[in-house]
Amino acid sequence: MTAKYLHIGIPITNKKPGMVYNEGLRLWMGKPDDHDFKIEYLKFEEGGPFPEIMHKNPHVAYEVDDAGPYLAEADQVIFGPAETPDGYRMAFIIKDDAIIELMEKKP
């Protein structure tokens, strides 16, 4: 299993400049590449698909070759897996009390 660090996602309550709105997810998203520490600020709106635990807690995102083993070893899968428009399969899990985002590039 190979995991490459992508970013840390931090929920916020006030929108920051440069955030982009994703209507389908009902979510304002920052761009991790705009920050040296790869921070993805997230402002969740009511009625979106993400569970409440993500609205209040940070997550760490990794690109993985195969999400299957990570999903199998998760304490809990809290979102997904779901296909993204840019060719990834995305899932959020809880492992050892941490929220982890898995991004698997689809061939």
C-alpha atoms as a PDB file:
ATOM      1  CA  MET A   1       0.000   0.000   0.000  1.00  0.00           C
ATOM      2  CA  THR A   2       1.327   3.413  -0.960  1.00  0.00           C
ATOM      3  CA  ALA A   3      -0.058   6.709   0.371  1.00  0.00           C
ATOM      4  CA  LYS A   4       1.133  10.158  -0.744  1.00  0.00           C
ATOM      5  CA  TYR A   5       0.228  13.177   1.415  1.00  0.00           C
ATOM      6  CA  LEU A   6      -2.040  15.668  -0.385  1.00  0.00           C
ATOM      7  CA  HIS A   7      -3.383  18.147   2.187  1.00  0.00           C
ATOM      8  CA  ILE A   8      -4.980  18.764   5.544  1.00  0.00           C
ATOM      9  CA  GLY A   9      -8.633  19.808   5.407  1.00  0.00           C
ATOM     10  CA  ILE A  10      -9.725  22.306   8.033  1.00  0.00           C
ATOM     11  CA  PRO A  11     -13.388  23.237   8.491  1.00  0.00           C
ATOM     12  CA  ILE A  12     -14.045  26.947   9.003  1.00  0.00           C
ATOM     13  CA  THR A  13     -17.163  29.031   9.623  1.00  0.00           C
ATOM     14  CA  ASN A  14     -16.266  32.130   7.584  1.00  0.00           C
ATOM     15  CA  LYS A  15     -15.441  32.004   3.893  1.00  0.00           C
ATOM     16  CA  LYS A  16     -11.884  32.995   2.927  1.00  0.00           C
ATOM     17  CA  PRO A  17     -10.872  34.843  -0.260  1.00  0.00           C
ATOM     18  CA  GLY A  18     -10.258  32.554  -3.217  1.00  0.00           C
ATOM     19  CA  MET A  19     -12.550  29.750  -2.071  1.00  0.00           C
ATOM     20  CA  VAL A  20     -14.538  27.985  -4.795  1.00  0.00           C
ATOM     21  CA  TYR A  21     -18.120  26.801  -4.374  1.00  0.00           C
ATOM     22  CA  ASN A  22     -19.090  23.242  -5.255  1.00  0.00           C
ATOM     23  CA  GLU A  23     -22.874  23.309  -5.646  1.00  0.00           C
ATOM     24  CA  GLY A  24     -23.290  19.531  -5.734  1.00  0.00           C
ATOM     25  CA  LEU A  25     -21.437  19.122  -2.444  1.00  0.00           C
ATOM     26  CA  ARG A  26     -22.824  22.355  -0.921  1.00  0.00           C
ATOM     27  CA  LEU A  27     -19.305  23.253   0.099  1.00  0.00           C
ATOM     28  CA  TRP A  28     -16.863  26.150  -0.230  1.00  0.00           C
ATOM     29  CA  MET A  29     -13.325  24.854  -0.798  1.00  0.00           C
ATOM     30  CA  GLY A  30      -9.922  26.498  -0.594  1.00  0.00           C
ATOM     31  CA  LYS A  31      -7.026  25.451  -2.787  1.00  0.00           C
ATOM     32  CA  PRO A  32      -4.345  23.489  -0.891  1.00  0.00           C
ATOM     33  CA  ASP A  33      -1.681  24.461  -3.435  1.00  0.00           C
ATOM     34  CA  ASP A  34      -2.155  28.110  -2.405  1.00  0.00           C
ATOM     35  CA  HIS A  35      -0.604  27.312   1.019  1.00  0.00           C
ATOM     36  CA  ASP A  36       2.900  26.123   1.874  1.00  0.00           C
ATOM     37  CA  PHE A  37       1.425  23.670   4.366  1.00  0.00           C
ATOM     38  CA  LYS A  38      -1.162  22.326   1.866  1.00  0.00           C
ATOM     39  CA  ILE A  39      -4.207  23.524   3.830  1.00  0.00           C
ATOM     40  CA  GLU A  40      -7.639  23.018   2.294  1.00  0.00           C
ATOM     41  CA  TYR A  41     -10.092  25.286   4.098  1.00  0.00           C
ATOM     42  CA  LEU A  42     -13.681  24.007   3.954  1.00  0.00           C
ATOM     43  CA  LYS A  43     -16.914  25.839   4.674  1.00  0.00           C
ATOM     44  CA  PHE A  44     -19.777  23.353   4.758  1.00  0.00           C
ATOM     45  CA  GLU A  45     -23.375  24.359   4.099  1.00  0.00           C
ATOM     46  CA  GLU A  46     -26.436  22.620   5.479  1.00  0.00           C
ATOM     47  CA  GLY A  47     -27.913  19.879   3.339  1.00  0.00           C
ATOM     48  CA  GLY A  48     -24.653  18.664   1.819  1.00  0.00           C
ATOM     49  CA  PRO A  49     -23.680  14.997   1.615  1.00  0.00           C
ATOM     50  CA  PHE A  50     -20.842  15.060   4.150  1.00  0.00           C
ATOM     51  CA  PRO A  51     -21.499  13.830   7.704  1.00  0.00           C
ATOM     52  CA  GLU A  52     -21.578  16.307  10.566  1.00  0.00           C
ATOM     53  CA  ILE A  53     -18.312  14.973  12.028  1.00  0.00           C
ATOM     54  CA  MET A  54     -16.504  16.439   9.002  1.00  0.00           C
ATOM     55  CA  HIS A  55     -18.069  19.870   9.589  1.00  0.00           C
ATOM     56  CA  LYS A  56     -16.263  20.158  12.919  1.00  0.00           C
ATOM     57  CA  ASN A  57     -13.049  18.125  12.581  1.00  0.00           C
ATOM     58  CA  PRO A  58      -9.991  18.282  10.319  1.00  0.00           C
ATOM     59  CA  HIS A  59      -8.982  15.499   7.978  1.00  0.00           C
ATOM     60  CA  VAL A  60      -5.758  14.430   6.292  1.00  0.00           C
ATOM     61  CA  ALA A  61      -5.881  13.527   2.587  1.00  0.00           C
ATOM     62  CA  TYR A  62      -3.746  10.980   0.777  1.00  0.00           C
ATOM     63  CA  GLU A  63      -3.520   9.809  -2.813  1.00  0.00           C
ATOM     64  CA  VAL A  64      -3.458   6.010  -2.804  1.00  0.00           C
ATOM     65  CA  ASP A  65      -2.837   3.429  -5.512  1.00  0.00           C
ATOM     66  CA  ASP A  66      -5.693   1.241  -4.279  1.00  0.00           C
ATOM     67  CA  ALA A  67      -8.242   2.420  -1.711  1.00  0.00           C
ATOM     68  CA  GLY A  68      -9.560  -1.109  -1.147  1.00  0.00           C
ATOM     69  CA  PRO A  69      -7.142  -2.201   1.593  1.00  0.00           C
ATOM     70  CA  TYR A  70      -7.527   1.116   3.438  1.00  0.00           C
ATOM     71  CA  LEU A  71     -11.312   0.868   3.288  1.00  0.00           C
ATOM     72  CA  ALA A  72     -11.134  -2.712   4.579  1.00  0.00           C
ATOM     73  CA  GLU A  73      -8.940  -1.669   7.521  1.00  0.00           C
ATOM     74  CA  ALA A  74     -10.980   1.441   8.400  1.00  0.00           C
ATOM     75  CA  ASP A  75     -12.697   1.639  11.756  1.00  0.00           C
ATOM     76  CA  GLN A  76     -15.573   3.332   9.883  1.00  0.00           C
ATOM     77  CA  VAL A  77     -16.294   4.565   6.356  1.00  0.00           C
ATOM     78  CA  ILE A  78     -18.088   7.910   6.755  1.00  0.00           C
ATOM     79  CA  PHE A  79     -18.401   8.984   3.099  1.00  0.00           C
ATOM     80  CA  GLY A  80     -18.097   7.250  -0.243  1.00  0.00           C
ATOM     81  CA  PRO A  81     -16.461   5.826  -2.104  1.00  0.00           C
ATOM     82  CA  ALA A  82     -17.651   8.283  -4.732  1.00  0.00           C
ATOM     83  CA  GLU A  83     -16.396   9.139  -8.203  1.00  0.00           C
ATOM     84  CA  THR A  84     -15.153  12.697  -8.748  1.00  0.00           C
ATOM     85  CA  PRO A  85     -15.413  14.602 -12.038  1.00  0.00           C
ATOM     86  CA  ASP A  86     -11.617  14.704 -12.342  1.00  0.00           C
ATOM     87  CA  GLY A  87     -11.166  10.925 -12.438  1.00  0.00           C
ATOM     88  CA  TYR A  88     -10.671   9.966  -8.792  1.00  0.00           C
ATOM     89  CA  ARG A  89     -12.494   7.660  -6.435  1.00  0.00           C
ATOM     90  CA  MET A  90     -12.823   9.485  -3.107  1.00  0.00           C
ATOM     91  CA  ALA A  91     -13.715   8.173   0.337  1.00  0.00           C
ATOM     92  CA  PHE A  92     -13.479   9.424   3.905  1.00  0.00           C
ATOM     93  CA  ILE A  93     -12.726   6.989   6.685  1.00  0.00           C
ATOM     94  CA  ILE A  94     -12.054   7.026  10.388  1.00  0.00           C
ATOM     95  CA  LYS A  95      -8.940   5.135  11.459  1.00  0.00           C
ATOM     96  CA  ASP A  96      -7.565   5.388  15.007  1.00  0.00           C
ATOM     97  CA  ASP A  97      -9.894   8.354  15.726  1.00  0.00           C
ATOM     98  CA  ALA A  98      -8.573  10.372  12.741  1.00  0.00           C
ATOM     99  CA  ILE A  99     -10.554  11.344   9.645  1.00  0.00           C
ATOM    100  CA  ILE A 100      -8.655  10.359   6.518  1.00  0.00           C
ATOM    101  CA  GLU A 101      -9.523  11.188   2.929  1.00  0.00           C
ATOM    102  CA  LEU A 102      -8.498   8.608   0.339  1.00  0.00           C
ATOM    103  CA  MET A 103      -8.086   9.698  -3.281  1.00  0.00           C
ATOM    104  CA  GLU A 104      -7.560   6.844  -5.736  1.00  0.00           C
ATOM    105  CA  LYS A 105      -6.690   7.843  -9.309  1.00  0.00           C
ATOM    106  CA  LYS A 106      -8.777   5.854 -11.759  1.00  0.00           C
ATOM    107  CA  PRO A 107      -7.041   4.628 -14.920  1.00  0.00           C
END
